[in-house]
Structure formats: C-alpha cells, structure tokens
N, C-alpha and C. Protein backbone atom coordinates (compact mmCIF):
# COMPACT_ATOMS: atom_id res chain seq x y z
N UNK A 1 -17.87 66.76 55.66
CA UNK A 1 -17.27 66.12 54.53
C UNK A 1 -16.96 67.26 53.50
N UNK A 2 -15.64 67.17 53.03
CA UNK A 2 -15.30 68.11 52.04
C UNK A 2 -15.89 67.80 50.71
N UNK A 3 -15.84 68.75 49.71
CA UNK A 3 -16.47 68.73 48.47
C UNK A 3 -15.97 67.58 47.63
N UNK A 4 -14.74 67.42 47.62
CA UNK A 4 -13.97 66.25 46.80
C UNK A 4 -14.53 64.96 47.24
N UNK A 5 -14.56 64.82 48.61
CA UNK A 5 -15.07 63.61 49.07
C UNK A 5 -16.49 63.35 48.83
N UNK A 6 -17.34 64.32 48.85
CA UNK A 6 -18.68 64.30 48.57
C UNK A 6 -18.93 63.96 47.12
N UNK A 7 -18.09 64.52 46.20
CA UNK A 7 -18.16 64.21 44.75
C UNK A 7 -17.90 62.67 44.56
N UNK A 8 -16.89 62.18 45.18
CA UNK A 8 -16.56 60.73 45.07
C UNK A 8 -17.74 59.79 45.66
N UNK A 9 -18.16 60.32 46.74
CA UNK A 9 -19.36 59.57 47.40
C UNK A 9 -20.61 59.35 46.42
N UNK A 10 -20.98 60.63 45.91
CA UNK A 10 -22.10 60.69 44.97
C UNK A 10 -21.79 59.89 43.74
N UNK A 11 -20.65 59.95 43.28
CA UNK A 11 -20.22 59.23 42.03
C UNK A 11 -20.37 57.73 42.24
N UNK A 12 -19.90 57.21 43.30
CA UNK A 12 -19.97 55.72 43.73
C UNK A 12 -21.41 55.41 43.85
N UNK A 13 -22.15 56.11 44.68
CA UNK A 13 -23.52 55.80 45.02
C UNK A 13 -24.36 55.75 43.66
N UNK A 14 -24.12 56.70 42.79
CA UNK A 14 -24.86 56.82 41.53
C UNK A 14 -24.65 55.76 40.65
N UNK A 15 -23.31 55.31 40.60
CA UNK A 15 -22.95 54.17 39.62
C UNK A 15 -23.50 52.87 40.20
N UNK A 16 -23.73 52.74 41.69
CA UNK A 16 -24.21 51.57 42.26
C UNK A 16 -25.85 51.51 42.05
N UNK A 17 -26.40 52.60 41.53
CA UNK A 17 -27.86 52.77 41.27
C UNK A 17 -28.57 53.19 42.43
N UNK A 18 -27.98 53.88 43.49
CA UNK A 18 -28.76 54.43 44.54
C UNK A 18 -29.46 55.66 44.19
N UNK A 19 -30.59 55.94 44.69
CA UNK A 19 -31.31 57.27 44.51
C UNK A 19 -30.52 58.25 45.43
N UNK A 20 -30.06 59.33 44.81
CA UNK A 20 -29.35 60.41 45.61
C UNK A 20 -30.25 61.39 46.22
N UNK A 21 -30.19 61.50 47.42
CA UNK A 21 -30.86 62.51 48.30
C UNK A 21 -29.87 63.28 49.05
N UNK A 22 -29.69 64.58 48.81
CA UNK A 22 -28.51 65.25 49.45
C UNK A 22 -28.90 66.30 50.39
N UNK A 23 -28.36 66.44 51.53
CA UNK A 23 -28.50 67.44 52.51
C UNK A 23 -27.34 68.35 52.32
N UNK A 24 -27.65 69.61 51.86
CA UNK A 24 -26.44 70.54 51.62
C UNK A 24 -26.17 71.66 52.57
N UNK A 25 -27.13 71.86 53.41
CA UNK A 25 -26.97 72.93 54.40
C UNK A 25 -27.16 74.22 53.60
N UNK A 26 -26.18 75.11 53.82
CA UNK A 26 -26.14 76.42 53.09
C UNK A 26 -25.03 76.53 51.98
N UNK A 27 -24.39 75.37 51.66
CA UNK A 27 -23.28 75.39 50.77
C UNK A 27 -23.75 75.30 49.33
N UNK A 28 -23.65 76.54 48.60
CA UNK A 28 -23.96 76.56 47.25
C UNK A 28 -23.31 75.52 46.26
N UNK A 29 -21.99 75.29 46.71
CA UNK A 29 -21.17 74.37 45.93
C UNK A 29 -21.85 72.92 46.02
N UNK A 30 -22.31 72.60 47.16
CA UNK A 30 -22.86 71.30 47.40
C UNK A 30 -24.24 71.16 46.68
N UNK A 31 -24.96 72.23 46.58
CA UNK A 31 -26.17 72.16 45.86
C UNK A 31 -25.85 72.00 44.37
N UNK A 32 -24.94 72.67 43.87
CA UNK A 32 -24.58 72.47 42.46
C UNK A 32 -24.05 71.05 42.21
N UNK A 33 -23.36 70.48 43.09
CA UNK A 33 -22.79 69.16 43.00
C UNK A 33 -23.94 68.20 43.05
N UNK A 34 -24.94 68.39 43.88
CA UNK A 34 -26.15 67.39 43.88
C UNK A 34 -26.90 67.54 42.59
N UNK A 35 -27.10 68.72 42.07
CA UNK A 35 -27.73 68.98 40.79
C UNK A 35 -26.97 68.34 39.64
N UNK A 36 -25.65 68.40 39.71
CA UNK A 36 -24.84 67.85 38.66
C UNK A 36 -24.96 66.30 38.54
N UNK A 37 -25.18 65.72 39.75
CA UNK A 37 -25.43 64.23 39.77
C UNK A 37 -26.91 63.91 39.71
N UNK A 38 -27.84 64.83 39.30
CA UNK A 38 -29.08 64.65 39.17
C UNK A 38 -29.78 63.99 40.41
N UNK A 39 -29.62 64.56 41.57
CA UNK A 39 -30.20 64.15 42.89
C UNK A 39 -31.75 64.06 42.82
N UNK A 40 -32.24 63.09 43.37
CA UNK A 40 -33.73 62.91 43.49
C UNK A 40 -34.42 64.15 44.29
N UNK A 41 -33.60 64.50 45.27
CA UNK A 41 -34.02 65.78 46.05
C UNK A 41 -32.71 66.36 46.80
N UNK A 42 -32.85 67.66 47.13
CA UNK A 42 -31.83 68.35 47.75
C UNK A 42 -32.54 69.10 48.89
N UNK A 43 -31.90 68.94 50.19
CA UNK A 43 -32.36 69.64 51.34
C UNK A 43 -31.47 70.76 51.61
N UNK A 44 -32.03 71.95 51.76
CA UNK A 44 -31.18 73.12 51.95
C UNK A 44 -31.66 73.88 53.29
N UNK A 45 -30.84 74.68 53.83
CA UNK A 45 -31.14 75.43 54.94
C UNK A 45 -31.33 76.86 54.58
N UNK A 46 -30.97 77.24 53.44
CA UNK A 46 -31.09 78.62 52.99
C UNK A 46 -31.28 78.61 51.39
N UNK A 47 -32.13 79.46 50.78
CA UNK A 47 -32.49 79.30 49.42
C UNK A 47 -31.86 80.55 48.68
N UNK A 48 -31.66 81.50 49.24
CA UNK A 48 -31.17 82.84 48.48
C UNK A 48 -30.12 82.68 47.58
N UNK A 49 -29.02 82.01 48.19
CA UNK A 49 -27.82 81.85 47.37
C UNK A 49 -28.02 80.68 46.26
N UNK A 50 -29.01 79.88 46.45
CA UNK A 50 -29.16 78.63 45.58
C UNK A 50 -30.22 78.90 44.65
N UNK A 51 -31.10 79.90 44.69
CA UNK A 51 -32.33 80.05 43.86
C UNK A 51 -32.16 79.74 42.39
N UNK A 52 -31.19 80.46 41.67
CA UNK A 52 -31.13 80.25 40.35
C UNK A 52 -30.72 78.77 39.89
N UNK A 53 -29.84 78.12 40.68
CA UNK A 53 -29.40 76.77 40.31
C UNK A 53 -30.67 75.80 40.50
N UNK A 54 -31.35 76.00 41.58
CA UNK A 54 -32.49 75.20 41.86
C UNK A 54 -33.62 75.42 40.86
N UNK A 55 -33.90 76.81 40.49
CA UNK A 55 -34.95 76.98 39.61
C UNK A 55 -34.81 76.46 38.24
N UNK A 56 -33.52 76.32 37.85
CA UNK A 56 -33.23 75.78 36.48
C UNK A 56 -33.21 74.25 36.46
N UNK A 57 -33.42 73.61 37.57
CA UNK A 57 -33.42 72.19 37.60
C UNK A 57 -34.59 71.51 37.69
N UNK A 58 -34.53 70.11 37.55
CA UNK A 58 -35.85 69.34 37.72
C UNK A 58 -35.85 68.80 39.17
N UNK A 59 -34.84 68.98 39.97
CA UNK A 59 -34.80 68.40 41.31
C UNK A 59 -35.44 69.28 42.31
N UNK A 60 -36.36 68.52 43.09
CA UNK A 60 -37.11 69.34 44.09
C UNK A 60 -36.24 69.71 45.32
N UNK A 61 -36.47 70.86 45.83
CA UNK A 61 -35.71 71.36 47.04
C UNK A 61 -36.52 71.32 48.23
N UNK A 62 -36.02 70.84 49.25
CA UNK A 62 -36.74 70.72 50.53
C UNK A 62 -36.10 71.82 51.43
N UNK A 63 -36.89 72.92 51.86
CA UNK A 63 -36.31 73.93 52.68
C UNK A 63 -36.48 73.43 54.18
N UNK A 64 -35.25 73.35 54.89
CA UNK A 64 -35.37 72.99 56.27
C UNK A 64 -35.49 74.16 57.16
N UNK A 65 -36.03 74.09 58.26
CA UNK A 65 -35.95 75.23 59.26
C UNK A 65 -34.59 75.56 59.77
N UNK A 66 -34.37 76.83 59.88
CA UNK A 66 -32.99 77.37 60.45
C UNK A 66 -32.94 76.95 61.90
N UNK A 67 -31.79 76.54 62.46
CA UNK A 67 -31.64 76.21 63.89
C UNK A 67 -32.16 77.31 64.68
N UNK A 68 -33.03 77.04 65.68
CA UNK A 68 -33.31 78.04 66.62
C UNK A 68 -34.66 78.88 66.13
N UNK A 69 -35.18 78.51 65.03
CA UNK A 69 -36.35 79.14 64.43
C UNK A 69 -37.63 78.48 64.89
N UNK A 70 -37.54 77.36 65.59
CA UNK A 70 -38.83 76.59 66.00
C UNK A 70 -38.42 76.20 67.42
N UNK A 71 -39.51 75.95 68.29
CA UNK A 71 -39.14 75.47 69.63
C UNK A 71 -38.70 73.92 69.54
N UNK A 72 -38.03 73.59 70.49
CA UNK A 72 -37.62 72.15 70.58
C UNK A 72 -38.78 71.26 70.80
N UNK A 73 -38.75 70.08 70.24
CA UNK A 73 -39.96 69.15 70.45
C UNK A 73 -40.12 68.70 71.94
N UNK A 74 -41.40 68.62 72.24
CA UNK A 74 -41.77 68.22 73.63
C UNK A 74 -42.19 66.77 73.56
N UNK A 75 -41.59 66.05 74.43
CA UNK A 75 -41.87 64.56 74.51
C UNK A 75 -43.06 64.45 75.39
N UNK A 76 -44.09 63.74 75.01
CA UNK A 76 -45.23 63.62 75.82
C UNK A 76 -45.30 62.13 76.39
N UNK A 77 -45.35 61.95 77.65
CA UNK A 77 -45.19 60.62 78.26
C UNK A 77 -46.62 60.41 78.69
N UNK A 78 -46.89 59.04 78.75
CA UNK A 78 -48.23 58.70 79.28
C UNK A 78 -48.26 58.93 80.90
N UNK A 79 -49.41 59.10 81.35
CA UNK A 79 -49.41 59.34 82.86
C UNK A 79 -48.83 58.11 83.61
N UNK A 80 -48.24 58.34 84.75
CA UNK A 80 -47.73 57.30 85.56
C UNK A 80 -48.85 56.37 86.16
N UNK A 81 -48.88 55.12 86.24
CA UNK A 81 -49.89 54.40 86.91
C UNK A 81 -50.06 54.59 88.33
C-alpha cells in the first residue's frame, strides 16, 4: 500500500472510531504517519531509523523479528493411532 492510500485508510478508520494498530515494516514515513494519527501501537521490523520519532511519542512500539532470524515453527502432531 502506498503512503497516500495508507493516510486515507487511517483517516477513515480513525474517524469511524477504530483503534489504530499499524504494521510499518521498516518504512520511517509509515511510522511517522502512524504516530501522526496517534496509533494505539506500531509494529516495526527495524528501530534504528525510527528511534527518535518513537521515543518522543506515547505510542508503544512492538519490534518484530527480522525474517530469517528465527527458525520456522514446527508443527507437532499427535501420534497416529
């Protein structure tokens, strides 16, 4: 989703009273947009570029693991009868 579409989406959702929870990935502009709309939380894949914007806000940031940094989940199946 491009930034203009994301802005419209957040604007509409906010006006309708939805709690805004935003997954930004590594896009600094998306983090700033989420903070501009006072999102309840922001999920980010990298913090370095976003530290100052996040540190100056009341919005909690959730740091997600980078792809490939953890093993794939293993599905455990019950033993066959």
